[in-house]
Amino acid sequence: QINDASKAYAAANEERLATVRKISDLKNERLALELKIKDEVQALYRSDKAKQRAAAEDLERAKRDKAAAERDLANARREVEVCTDRRAELIKQWQSINARKLVFDENEFICPTCKRRFEIEEIESRQQEITENFNRRNAADLEENNRRGKENKLRMEEVNQYISEIEEKIAEQVSIISEIEMSGILTAKLIEPDATPTIAANTEYIALGEQIAELEKEVSQPIAA
């Protein structure tokens, strides 16, 4: 009889352990269901929150890009001013070169040793040489002036084109900033919804709770000796 009672007690204890394991499984199942319901209830909130964060990041990026473009624009406009000043200076130089007059120095036609004035033929030859040198120097100076002028003009055109591109970029960033700020997404007050009522009203959740309560009641009873 003692042996039979011992076996019965062991069997009852094993049954209780199985019930405890069942309770644990049901609680895990109920927790998973709770998280699933909460996830569904808060899905829209999380989506809106993610959109709000993305909009804030886009706004900051647009502001940084706009500020950088405005710095580039200021630098480019300064360079245009430099090119404009250089053009005015080159025009003055061109006018100065063009206005040069050849004036013969009489000392050029006197022998430095004997102080004798050169013969007519020598003077004419010397005048021709001086004139050719003068014309060559003027032509070279005008050519260099023209080269620098073309180079400056090309650079100014490049910078003006760059300015147009920067202004377009700034306008684009201004549009992005305005669109985000006007959308109201950043000022929207997003409130995390409470999933508790939905969870509490779920029939599957209620059934699991009742099943757990019933099993816990069973295991709370002492095992008969």
C-alpha atoms as a PDB file:
ATOM      1  CA  GLN A   1       0.000   0.000   0.000  1.00  0.00           C
ATOM      2  CA  ILE A   2       2.845   2.361   0.812  1.00  0.00           C
ATOM      3  CA  ASN A   3       4.409   1.614  -2.562  1.00  0.00           C
ATOM      4  CA  ASP A   4       1.125   2.292  -4.369  1.00  0.00           C
ATOM      5  CA  ALA A   5       0.685   5.573  -2.504  1.00  0.00           C
ATOM      6  CA  SER A   6       4.220   6.581  -3.427  1.00  0.00           C
ATOM      7  CA  LYS A   7       3.595   5.833  -7.092  1.00  0.00           C
ATOM      8  CA  ALA A   8       0.341   7.768  -7.007  1.00  0.00           C
ATOM      9  CA  TYR A   9       2.070  10.770  -5.422  1.00  0.00           C
ATOM     10  CA  ALA A  10       4.867  10.671  -8.027  1.00  0.00           C
ATOM     11  CA  ALA A  11       2.312  10.481 -10.838  1.00  0.00           C
ATOM     12  CA  ALA A  12       0.362  13.411  -9.387  1.00  0.00           C
ATOM     13  CA  ASN A  13       3.560  15.422  -9.010  1.00  0.00           C
ATOM     14  CA  GLU A  14       4.546  14.702 -12.617  1.00  0.00           C
ATOM     15  CA  GLU A  15       1.101  15.793 -13.748  1.00  0.00           C
ATOM     16  CA  ARG A  16       1.492  19.021 -11.792  1.00  0.00           C
ATOM     17  CA  LEU A  17       4.877  19.703 -13.416  1.00  0.00           C
ATOM     18  CA  ALA A  18       3.303  19.170 -16.820  1.00  0.00           C
ATOM     19  CA  THR A  19       0.579  21.652 -15.896  1.00  0.00           C
ATOM     20  CA  VAL A  20       3.193  24.193 -14.764  1.00  0.00           C
ATOM     21  CA  ARG A  21       4.972  23.793 -18.118  1.00  0.00           C
ATOM     22  CA  LYS A  22       1.658  24.248 -19.891  1.00  0.00           C
ATOM     23  CA  ILE A  23       1.014  27.445 -17.929  1.00  0.00           C
ATOM     24  CA  SER A  24       4.462  28.745 -18.938  1.00  0.00           C
ATOM     25  CA  ASP A  25       3.771  27.966 -22.606  1.00  0.00           C
ATOM     26  CA  LEU A  26       0.387  29.673 -22.458  1.00  0.00           C
ATOM     27  CA  LYS A  27       1.891  32.771 -20.834  1.00  0.00           C
ATOM     28  CA  ASN A  28       4.513  32.957 -23.576  1.00  0.00           C
ATOM     29  CA  GLU A  29       1.758  32.597 -26.157  1.00  0.00           C
ATOM     30  CA  ARG A  30      -0.255  35.342 -24.469  1.00  0.00           C
ATOM     31  CA  LEU A  31       2.798  37.643 -24.349  1.00  0.00           C
ATOM     32  CA  ALA A  32       3.455  37.074 -28.060  1.00  0.00           C
ATOM     33  CA  LEU A  33      -0.190  37.898 -28.803  1.00  0.00           C
ATOM     34  CA  GLU A  34       0.038  41.030 -26.649  1.00  0.00           C
ATOM     35  CA  LEU A  35       3.115  42.225 -28.553  1.00  0.00           C
ATOM     36  CA  LYS A  36       1.442  41.449 -31.893  1.00  0.00           C
ATOM     37  CA  ILE A  37      -1.663  43.467 -30.993  1.00  0.00           C
ATOM     38  CA  LYS A  38       0.464  46.346 -29.687  1.00  0.00           C
ATOM     39  CA  ASP A  39       2.508  46.294 -32.891  1.00  0.00           C
ATOM     40  CA  GLU A  40      -0.662  46.489 -35.008  1.00  0.00           C
ATOM     41  CA  VAL A  41      -2.204  49.279 -32.909  1.00  0.00           C
ATOM     42  CA  GLN A  42       0.988  51.372 -33.023  1.00  0.00           C
ATOM     43  CA  ALA A  43       1.956  50.649 -36.651  1.00  0.00           C
ATOM     44  CA  LEU A  44       0.593  53.957 -37.987  1.00  0.00           C
ATOM     45  CA  TYR A  45       2.197  55.889 -35.116  1.00  0.00           C
ATOM     46  CA  ARG A  46       5.603  54.353 -35.818  1.00  0.00           C
ATOM     47  CA  SER A  47       5.214  55.028 -39.524  1.00  0.00           C
ATOM     48  CA  ASP A  48       4.339  58.692 -38.886  1.00  0.00           C
ATOM     49  CA  LYS A  49       7.214  58.964 -36.397  1.00  0.00           C
ATOM     50  CA  ALA A  50       9.648  57.584 -38.984  1.00  0.00           C
ATOM     51  CA  LYS A  51       8.342  60.053 -41.582  1.00  0.00           C
ATOM     52  CA  GLN A  52       8.784  62.895 -39.091  1.00  0.00           C
ATOM     53  CA  ARG A  53      12.391  61.884 -38.394  1.00  0.00           C
ATOM     54  CA  ALA A  54      13.116  61.565 -42.119  1.00  0.00           C
ATOM     55  CA  ALA A  55      11.587  65.006 -42.778  1.00  0.00           C
ATOM     56  CA  ALA A  56      13.729  66.548 -40.020  1.00  0.00           C
ATOM     57  CA  GLU A  57      16.853  64.989 -41.541  1.00  0.00           C
ATOM     58  CA  ASP A  58      15.858  66.177 -45.035  1.00  0.00           C
ATOM     59  CA  LEU A  59      15.290  69.694 -43.692  1.00  0.00           C
ATOM     60  CA  GLU A  60      18.690  69.852 -42.000  1.00  0.00           C
ATOM     61  CA  ARG A  61      20.385  68.483 -45.122  1.00  0.00           C
ATOM     62  CA  ALA A  62      18.630  71.045 -47.338  1.00  0.00           C
ATOM     63  CA  LYS A  63      19.643  73.870 -44.985  1.00  0.00           C
ATOM     64  CA  ARG A  64      23.277  72.706 -44.988  1.00  0.00           C
ATOM     65  CA  ASP A  65      23.311  72.393 -48.788  1.00  0.00           C
ATOM     66  CA  LYS A  66      21.711  75.838 -49.146  1.00  0.00           C
ATOM     67  CA  ALA A  67      24.262  77.442 -46.799  1.00  0.00           C
ATOM     68  CA  ALA A  68      27.161  75.796 -48.667  1.00  0.00           C
ATOM     69  CA  ALA A  69      25.748  76.904 -52.030  1.00  0.00           C
ATOM     70  CA  GLU A  70      25.321  80.471 -50.764  1.00  0.00           C
ATOM     71  CA  ARG A  71      28.989  80.529 -49.713  1.00  0.00           C
ATOM     72  CA  ASP A  72      29.975  79.266 -53.167  1.00  0.00           C
ATOM     73  CA  LEU A  73      27.750  81.910 -54.755  1.00  0.00           C
ATOM     74  CA  ALA A  74      29.383  84.699 -52.749  1.00  0.00           C
ATOM     75  CA  ASN A  75      32.852  83.486 -53.780  1.00  0.00           C
ATOM     76  CA  ALA A  76      31.810  83.229 -57.427  1.00  0.00           C
ATOM     77  CA  ARG A  77      30.366  86.740 -57.428  1.00  0.00           C
ATOM     78  CA  ARG A  78      33.601  88.069 -55.954  1.00  0.00           C
ATOM     79  CA  GLU A  79      35.498  86.371 -58.756  1.00  0.00           C
ATOM     80  CA  VAL A  80      33.202  88.019 -61.323  1.00  0.00           C
ATOM     81  CA  GLU A  81      34.071  91.373 -59.756  1.00  0.00           C
ATOM     82  CA  VAL A  82      37.773  90.522 -60.075  1.00  0.00           C
ATOM     83  CA  CYS A  83      37.257  89.588 -63.738  1.00  0.00           C
ATOM     84  CA  THR A  84      35.320  92.819 -64.333  1.00  0.00           C
ATOM     85  CA  ASP A  85      38.110  94.906 -62.781  1.00  0.00           C
ATOM     86  CA  ARG A  86      40.705  92.985 -64.792  1.00  0.00           C
ATOM     87  CA  ARG A  87      38.769  93.657 -68.012  1.00  0.00           C
ATOM     88  CA  ALA A  88      38.686  97.392 -67.282  1.00  0.00           C
ATOM     89  CA  GLU A  89      42.435  97.334 -66.579  1.00  0.00           C
ATOM     90  CA  LEU A  90      43.160  95.439 -69.809  1.00  0.00           C
ATOM     91  CA  ILE A  91      41.088  97.944 -71.800  1.00  0.00           C
ATOM     92  CA  LYS A  92      43.139 100.771 -70.288  1.00  0.00           C
ATOM     93  CA  GLN A  93      46.342  98.927 -71.138  1.00  0.00           C
ATOM     94  CA  TRP A  94      45.162  98.353 -74.716  1.00  0.00           C
ATOM     95  CA  GLN A  95      44.306 102.032 -75.105  1.00  0.00           C
ATOM     96  CA  SER A  96      47.672 102.988 -73.632  1.00  0.00           C
ATOM     97  CA  ILE A  97      49.556 100.685 -76.015  1.00  0.00           C
ATOM     98  CA  ASN A  98      47.527 101.956 -78.975  1.00  0.00           C
ATOM     99  CA  ALA A  99      48.216 105.555 -78.001  1.00  0.00           C
ATOM    100  CA  ARG A 100      51.989 105.144 -78.011  1.00  0.00           C
ATOM    101  CA  LYS A 101      53.774 107.539 -80.370  1.00  0.00           C
ATOM    102  CA  LEU A 102      57.206 106.987 -81.760  1.00  0.00           C
ATOM    103  CA  VAL A 103      59.454 109.953 -81.069  1.00  0.00           C
ATOM    104  CA  PHE A 104      63.013 109.759 -82.331  1.00  0.00           C
ATOM    105  CA  ASP A 105      65.767 110.768 -79.948  1.00  0.00           C
ATOM    106  CA  GLU A 106      68.267 112.863 -81.893  1.00  0.00           C
ATOM    107  CA  ASN A 107      71.072 111.281 -79.868  1.00  0.00           C
ATOM    108  CA  GLU A 108      70.296 108.045 -81.694  1.00  0.00           C
ATOM    109  CA  PHE A 109      71.687 109.615 -84.861  1.00  0.00           C
ATOM    110  CA  ILE A 110      74.955 110.942 -83.412  1.00  0.00           C
ATOM    111  CA  CYS A 111      78.100 108.890 -83.123  1.00  0.00           C
ATOM    112  CA  PRO A 112      78.723 108.370 -79.395  1.00  0.00           C
ATOM    113  CA  THR A 113      82.502 108.459 -79.977  1.00  0.00           C
ATOM    114  CA  CYS A 114      83.158 111.355 -82.338  1.00  0.00           C
ATOM    115  CA  LYS A 115      79.858 113.127 -81.817  1.00  0.00           C
ATOM    116  CA  ARG A 116      79.422 113.330 -85.574  1.00  0.00           C
ATOM    117  CA  ARG A 117      75.871 113.271 -86.944  1.00  0.00           C
ATOM    118  CA  PHE A 118      75.190 110.248 -89.104  1.00  0.00           C
ATOM    119  CA  GLU A 119      74.767 110.542 -92.821  1.00  0.00           C
ATOM    120  CA  ILE A 120      71.216 110.683 -94.205  1.00  0.00           C
ATOM    121  CA  GLU A 121      71.329 107.069 -95.332  1.00  0.00           C
ATOM    122  CA  GLU A 122      72.516 105.955 -91.883  1.00  0.00           C
ATOM    123  CA  ILE A 123      69.823 108.033 -90.193  1.00  0.00           C
ATOM    124  CA  GLU A 124      67.102 106.585 -92.421  1.00  0.00           C
ATOM    125  CA  SER A 125      68.382 103.059 -91.784  1.00  0.00           C
ATOM    126  CA  ARG A 126      68.499 103.695 -88.049  1.00  0.00           C
ATOM    127  CA  GLN A 127      65.004 105.226 -88.104  1.00  0.00           C
ATOM    128  CA  GLN A 128      63.670 102.199 -89.961  1.00  0.00           C
ATOM    129  CA  GLU A 129      65.249  99.853 -87.415  1.00  0.00           C
ATOM    130  CA  ILE A 130      63.823 101.850 -84.477  1.00  0.00           C
ATOM    131  CA  THR A 131      60.387 101.980 -86.131  1.00  0.00           C
ATOM    132  CA  GLU A 132      60.357  98.230 -86.763  1.00  0.00           C
ATOM    133  CA  ASN A 133      61.380  97.522 -83.161  1.00  0.00           C
ATOM    134  CA  PHE A 134      58.688  99.915 -81.925  1.00  0.00           C
ATOM    135  CA  ASN A 135      56.015  98.298 -84.080  1.00  0.00           C
ATOM    136  CA  ARG A 136      57.131  94.800 -83.074  1.00  0.00           C
ATOM    137  CA  ARG A 137      56.982  95.657 -79.386  1.00  0.00           C
ATOM    138  CA  ASN A 138      53.553  97.265 -79.776  1.00  0.00           C
ATOM    139  CA  ALA A 139      52.240  94.281 -81.715  1.00  0.00           C
ATOM    140  CA  ALA A 140      53.574  91.858 -79.094  1.00  0.00           C
ATOM    141  CA  ASP A 141      52.082  93.924 -76.268  1.00  0.00           C
ATOM    142  CA  LEU A 142      48.710  94.128 -78.042  1.00  0.00           C
ATOM    143  CA  GLU A 143      48.769  90.395 -78.729  1.00  0.00           C
ATOM    144  CA  GLU A 144      49.514  89.634 -75.077  1.00  0.00           C
ATOM    145  CA  ASN A 145      46.803  92.076 -74.004  1.00  0.00           C
ATOM    146  CA  ASN A 146      44.358  90.381 -76.367  1.00  0.00           C
ATOM    147  CA  ARG A 147      45.340  86.918 -75.091  1.00  0.00           C
ATOM    148  CA  ARG A 148      44.791  87.945 -71.490  1.00  0.00           C
ATOM    149  CA  GLY A 149      41.500  89.587 -72.447  1.00  0.00           C
ATOM    150  CA  LYS A 150      40.200  86.396 -74.088  1.00  0.00           C
ATOM    151  CA  GLU A 151      41.367  84.330 -71.129  1.00  0.00           C
ATOM    152  CA  ASN A 152      39.609  86.691 -68.725  1.00  0.00           C
ATOM    153  CA  LYS A 153      36.427  86.683 -70.827  1.00  0.00           C
ATOM    154  CA  LEU A 154      36.353  82.883 -70.903  1.00  0.00           C
ATOM    155  CA  ARG A 155      36.837  82.705 -67.150  1.00  0.00           C
ATOM    156  CA  MET A 156      34.046  85.224 -66.582  1.00  0.00           C
ATOM    157  CA  GLU A 157      31.697  83.177 -68.787  1.00  0.00           C
ATOM    158  CA  GLU A 158      32.582  80.020 -66.848  1.00  0.00           C
ATOM    159  CA  VAL A 159      31.974  81.710 -63.504  1.00  0.00           C
ATOM    160  CA  ASN A 160      28.666  83.207 -64.673  1.00  0.00           C
ATOM    161  CA  GLN A 161      27.558  79.761 -65.836  1.00  0.00           C
ATOM    162  CA  TYR A 162      28.575  78.370 -62.451  1.00  0.00           C
ATOM    163  CA  ILE A 163      26.599  81.148 -60.741  1.00  0.00           C
ATOM    164  CA  SER A 164      23.484  80.156 -62.712  1.00  0.00           C
ATOM    165  CA  GLU A 165      23.911  76.548 -61.601  1.00  0.00           C
ATOM    166  CA  ILE A 166      24.407  77.565 -57.960  1.00  0.00           C
ATOM    167  CA  GLU A 167      21.337  79.817 -58.048  1.00  0.00           C
ATOM    168  CA  GLU A 168      19.287  76.898 -59.387  1.00  0.00           C
ATOM    169  CA  LYS A 169      20.605  74.688 -56.596  1.00  0.00           C
ATOM    170  CA  ILE A 170      19.756  77.308 -53.967  1.00  0.00           C
ATOM    171  CA  ALA A 171      16.244  77.684 -55.408  1.00  0.00           C
ATOM    172  CA  GLU A 172      15.840  73.904 -55.267  1.00  0.00           C
ATOM    173  CA  GLN A 173      16.904  73.770 -51.605  1.00  0.00           C
ATOM    174  CA  VAL A 174      14.630  76.717 -50.753  1.00  0.00           C
ATOM    175  CA  SER A 175      11.745  74.809 -52.358  1.00  0.00           C
ATOM    176  CA  ILE A 176      12.547  71.668 -50.342  1.00  0.00           C
ATOM    177  CA  ILE A 177      12.801  73.660 -47.097  1.00  0.00           C
ATOM    178  CA  SER A 178       9.528  75.473 -47.789  1.00  0.00           C
ATOM    179  CA  GLU A 179       7.717  72.255 -48.694  1.00  0.00           C
ATOM    180  CA  ILE A 180       8.815  70.492 -45.495  1.00  0.00           C
ATOM    181  CA  GLU A 181       8.042  73.466 -43.250  1.00  0.00           C
ATOM    182  CA  MET A 182       4.640  74.075 -44.866  1.00  0.00           C
ATOM    183  CA  SER A 183       3.659  70.395 -44.636  1.00  0.00           C
ATOM    184  CA  GLY A 184       3.334  70.644 -40.860  1.00  0.00           C
ATOM    185  CA  ILE A 185       4.896  67.217 -40.399  1.00  0.00           C
ATOM    186  CA  LEU A 186       7.573  68.575 -38.056  1.00  0.00           C
ATOM    187  CA  THR A 187       5.116  70.383 -35.792  1.00  0.00           C
ATOM    188  CA  ALA A 188       2.582  67.543 -35.660  1.00  0.00           C
ATOM    189  CA  LYS A 189       2.134  66.224 -32.115  1.00  0.00           C
ATOM    190  CA  LEU A 190       2.376  62.457 -32.416  1.00  0.00           C
ATOM    191  CA  ILE A 191       0.935  60.625 -29.419  1.00  0.00           C
ATOM    192  CA  GLU A 192       1.791  56.989 -28.922  1.00  0.00           C
ATOM    193  CA  PRO A 193      -1.531  55.091 -28.793  1.00  0.00           C
ATOM    194  CA  ASP A 194      -2.310  52.953 -25.743  1.00  0.00           C
ATOM    195  CA  ALA A 195      -2.835  49.372 -26.878  1.00  0.00           C
ATOM    196  CA  THR A 196      -4.050  48.195 -23.451  1.00  0.00           C
ATOM    197  CA  PRO A 197      -7.838  48.471 -24.164  1.00  0.00           C
ATOM    198  CA  THR A 198      -7.463  46.644 -27.489  1.00  0.00           C
ATOM    199  CA  ILE A 199      -5.404  43.910 -25.863  1.00  0.00           C
ATOM    200  CA  ALA A 200      -7.866  43.537 -22.985  1.00  0.00           C
ATOM    201  CA  ALA A 201     -10.819  43.234 -25.395  1.00  0.00           C
ATOM    202  CA  ASN A 202      -9.189  40.620 -27.628  1.00  0.00           C
ATOM    203  CA  THR A 203     -11.141  37.337 -27.359  1.00  0.00           C
ATOM    204  CA  GLU A 204      -8.074  35.160 -27.896  1.00  0.00           C
ATOM    205  CA  TYR A 205      -6.183  37.083 -25.203  1.00  0.00           C
ATOM    206  CA  ILE A 206      -9.147  36.705 -22.809  1.00  0.00           C
ATOM    207  CA  ALA A 207      -9.393  32.967 -23.509  1.00  0.00           C
ATOM    208  CA  LEU A 208      -5.694  32.484 -22.829  1.00  0.00           C
ATOM    209  CA  GLY A 209      -6.023  34.386 -19.567  1.00  0.00           C
ATOM    210  CA  GLU A 210      -8.944  32.250 -18.459  1.00  0.00           C
ATOM    211  CA  GLN A 211      -7.084  29.061 -19.371  1.00  0.00           C
ATOM    212  CA  ILE A 212      -4.010  30.194 -17.430  1.00  0.00           C
ATOM    213  CA  ALA A 213      -6.122  31.155 -14.411  1.00  0.00           C
ATOM    214  CA  GLU A 214      -7.844  27.763 -14.415  1.00  0.00           C
ATOM    215  CA  LEU A 215      -4.559  25.866 -14.607  1.00  0.00           C
ATOM    216  CA  GLU A 216      -2.968  28.054 -11.913  1.00  0.00           C
ATOM    217  CA  LYS A 217      -5.937  27.256  -9.705  1.00  0.00           C
ATOM    218  CA  GLU A 218      -5.303  23.557 -10.279  1.00  0.00           C
ATOM    219  CA  VAL A 219      -1.626  23.722  -9.347  1.00  0.00           C
ATOM    220  CA  SER A 220      -2.399  25.768  -6.267  1.00  0.00           C
ATOM    221  CA  GLN A 221      -4.201  22.768  -4.760  1.00  0.00           C
ATOM    222  CA  PRO A 222      -2.014  20.506  -2.592  1.00  0.00           C
ATOM    223  CA  ILE A 223      -1.244  17.006  -3.786  1.00  0.00           C
ATOM    224  CA  ALA A 224      -3.106  14.416  -1.750  1.00  0.00           C
ATOM    225  CA  ALA A 225      -0.753  12.293   0.299  1.00  0.00           C
END
